[in-house]
Amino acid sequence: MSDERSIADRKVEIVARVLAESQHWALDALEDVLDNIADTHRSDGLVIGRRPSGEPVIKSRFMRELMRSIHEVEQGNGISLRTLERESDAW
């Protein structure tokens, strides 16, 4: 994305590309992206709970932390529940 183009110019280009699209699958994909963007905007400040300290848990921050945790587990950077239980016995 170029910083040289204004937001208004970029919007016009995007709208023109959407209007030119005639494939149902592409329009479905665009709708999904727009729905995801709208969900993100709605959830940015959505409080979904509170920490023991009373600090609010914000959905967007929680989702980022969750995705990072999932990525770490997928990379093998996690421990099993059984290992955690054994380690916690030593605390």
C-alpha atoms as a PDB file:
ATOM      1  CA  MET A   1       0.000   0.000   0.000  1.00  0.00           C
ATOM      2  CA  SER A   2       1.464   3.254  -1.094  1.00  0.00           C
ATOM      3  CA  ASP A   3       1.530   6.247   1.216  1.00  0.00           C
ATOM      4  CA  GLU A   4       1.413   8.473  -1.871  1.00  0.00           C
ATOM      5  CA  ARG A   5      -2.258   7.742  -2.591  1.00  0.00           C
ATOM      6  CA  SER A   6      -4.867   9.351  -0.370  1.00  0.00           C
ATOM      7  CA  ILE A   7      -7.445   7.311   1.484  1.00  0.00           C
ATOM      8  CA  ALA A   8     -10.158   8.791  -0.735  1.00  0.00           C
ATOM      9  CA  ASP A   9      -8.274   7.727  -3.888  1.00  0.00           C
ATOM     10  CA  ARG A  10      -7.799   4.236  -2.519  1.00  0.00           C
ATOM     11  CA  LYS A  11     -11.501   3.959  -1.678  1.00  0.00           C
ATOM     12  CA  VAL A  12     -12.493   5.017  -5.199  1.00  0.00           C
ATOM     13  CA  GLU A  13     -10.123   2.422  -6.690  1.00  0.00           C
ATOM     14  CA  ILE A  14     -11.499  -0.305  -4.418  1.00  0.00           C
ATOM     15  CA  VAL A  15     -15.113   0.574  -5.229  1.00  0.00           C
ATOM     16  CA  ALA A  16     -14.322   0.546  -8.966  1.00  0.00           C
ATOM     17  CA  ARG A  17     -12.739  -2.906  -8.647  1.00  0.00           C
ATOM     18  CA  VAL A  18     -15.723  -4.230  -6.689  1.00  0.00           C
ATOM     19  CA  LEU A  19     -18.174  -2.829  -9.264  1.00  0.00           C
ATOM     20  CA  ALA A  20     -16.207  -4.480 -12.062  1.00  0.00           C
ATOM     21  CA  GLU A  21     -16.255  -7.894 -10.361  1.00  0.00           C
ATOM     22  CA  SER A  22     -18.879 -10.331 -11.653  1.00  0.00           C
ATOM     23  CA  GLN A  23     -17.886 -13.639 -10.073  1.00  0.00           C
ATOM     24  CA  HIS A  24     -20.087 -14.809  -7.201  1.00  0.00           C
ATOM     25  CA  TRP A  25     -17.169 -16.432  -5.371  1.00  0.00           C
ATOM     26  CA  ALA A  26     -15.202 -13.181  -5.459  1.00  0.00           C
ATOM     27  CA  LEU A  27     -18.134 -11.151  -4.167  1.00  0.00           C
ATOM     28  CA  ASP A  28     -18.668 -13.740  -1.413  1.00  0.00           C
ATOM     29  CA  ALA A  29     -15.001 -13.402  -0.435  1.00  0.00           C
ATOM     30  CA  LEU A  30     -15.266  -9.603  -0.404  1.00  0.00           C
ATOM     31  CA  GLU A  31     -18.368  -9.778   1.793  1.00  0.00           C
ATOM     32  CA  ASP A  32     -16.518 -12.071   4.206  1.00  0.00           C
ATOM     33  CA  VAL A  33     -13.605  -9.634   4.420  1.00  0.00           C
ATOM     34  CA  LEU A  34     -15.933  -6.695   5.024  1.00  0.00           C
ATOM     35  CA  ASP A  35     -17.836  -8.649   7.686  1.00  0.00           C
ATOM     36  CA  ASN A  36     -14.548  -9.476   9.422  1.00  0.00           C
ATOM     37  CA  ILE A  37     -13.529  -5.813   9.348  1.00  0.00           C
ATOM     38  CA  ALA A  38     -16.886  -4.770  10.802  1.00  0.00           C
ATOM     39  CA  ASP A  39     -16.601  -7.419  13.529  1.00  0.00           C
ATOM     40  CA  THR A  40     -13.126  -6.162  14.388  1.00  0.00           C
ATOM     41  CA  HIS A  41     -14.347  -2.584  14.673  1.00  0.00           C
ATOM     42  CA  ARG A  42     -17.268  -3.662  16.856  1.00  0.00           C
ATOM     43  CA  SER A  43     -15.063  -5.772  19.123  1.00  0.00           C
ATOM     44  CA  ASP A  44     -12.217  -3.270  19.518  1.00  0.00           C
ATOM     45  CA  GLY A  45     -13.691  -1.894  22.714  1.00  0.00           C
ATOM     46  CA  LEU A  46     -15.981  -4.773  23.671  1.00  0.00           C
ATOM     47  CA  VAL A  47     -15.403  -5.859  27.278  1.00  0.00           C
ATOM     48  CA  ILE A  48     -15.835  -9.636  27.567  1.00  0.00           C
ATOM     49  CA  GLY A  49     -14.788 -10.051  31.174  1.00  0.00           C
ATOM     50  CA  ARG A  50     -12.566  -8.822  33.961  1.00  0.00           C
ATOM     51  CA  ARG A  51      -9.203  -9.960  35.255  1.00  0.00           C
ATOM     52  CA  PRO A  52      -8.862 -10.788  38.985  1.00  0.00           C
ATOM     53  CA  SER A  53      -7.392  -7.299  39.406  1.00  0.00           C
ATOM     54  CA  GLY A  54     -10.610  -5.806  38.040  1.00  0.00           C
ATOM     55  CA  GLU A  55      -8.972  -4.724  34.780  1.00  0.00           C
ATOM     56  CA  PRO A  56     -11.336  -5.225  31.811  1.00  0.00           C
ATOM     57  CA  VAL A  57     -10.595  -7.936  29.246  1.00  0.00           C
ATOM     58  CA  ILE A  58     -11.060  -6.417  25.780  1.00  0.00           C
ATOM     59  CA  LYS A  59     -12.169  -8.889  23.102  1.00  0.00           C
ATOM     60  CA  SER A  60      -9.747  -7.701  20.403  1.00  0.00           C
ATOM     61  CA  ARG A  61      -6.773  -7.907  22.775  1.00  0.00           C
ATOM     62  CA  PHE A  62      -7.925 -11.317  24.037  1.00  0.00           C
ATOM     63  CA  MET A  63      -8.199 -12.609  20.453  1.00  0.00           C
ATOM     64  CA  ARG A  64      -4.680 -11.368  19.616  1.00  0.00           C
ATOM     65  CA  GLU A  65      -3.296 -13.092  22.713  1.00  0.00           C
ATOM     66  CA  LEU A  66      -5.203 -16.267  21.863  1.00  0.00           C
ATOM     67  CA  MET A  67      -3.898 -16.318  18.284  1.00  0.00           C
ATOM     68  CA  ARG A  68      -0.332 -15.751  19.516  1.00  0.00           C
ATOM     69  CA  SER A  69      -0.726 -18.611  22.004  1.00  0.00           C
ATOM     70  CA  ILE A  70      -2.104 -20.941  19.338  1.00  0.00           C
ATOM     71  CA  HIS A  71       0.819 -20.057  17.074  1.00  0.00           C
ATOM     72  CA  GLU A  72       3.305 -20.813  19.868  1.00  0.00           C
ATOM     73  CA  VAL A  73       1.706 -24.203  20.523  1.00  0.00           C
ATOM     74  CA  GLU A  74       1.767 -25.000  16.796  1.00  0.00           C
ATOM     75  CA  GLN A  75       5.489 -24.178  16.812  1.00  0.00           C
ATOM     76  CA  GLY A  76       6.021 -26.630  19.662  1.00  0.00           C
ATOM     77  CA  ASN A  77       6.549 -23.912  22.279  1.00  0.00           C
ATOM     78  CA  GLY A  78       4.093 -25.255  24.820  1.00  0.00           C
ATOM     79  CA  ILE A  79       3.787 -27.881  27.514  1.00  0.00           C
ATOM     80  CA  SER A  80       1.152 -30.496  28.196  1.00  0.00           C
ATOM     81  CA  LEU A  81      -1.301 -30.258  31.038  1.00  0.00           C
ATOM     82  CA  ARG A  82       0.339 -33.283  32.648  1.00  0.00           C
ATOM     83  CA  THR A  83       3.757 -31.571  32.565  1.00  0.00           C
ATOM     84  CA  LEU A  84       2.259 -28.398  33.984  1.00  0.00           C
ATOM     85  CA  GLU A  85       0.664 -30.352  36.837  1.00  0.00           C
ATOM     86  CA  ARG A  86       4.002 -32.020  37.665  1.00  0.00           C
ATOM     87  CA  GLU A  87       5.823 -28.688  37.599  1.00  0.00           C
ATOM     88  CA  SER A  88       3.176 -26.989  39.718  1.00  0.00           C
ATOM     89  CA  ASP A  89       3.588 -29.668  42.399  1.00  0.00           C
ATOM     90  CA  ALA A  90       7.160 -28.442  42.851  1.00  0.00           C
ATOM     91  CA  TRP A  91       6.070 -24.827  43.361  1.00  0.00           C
END
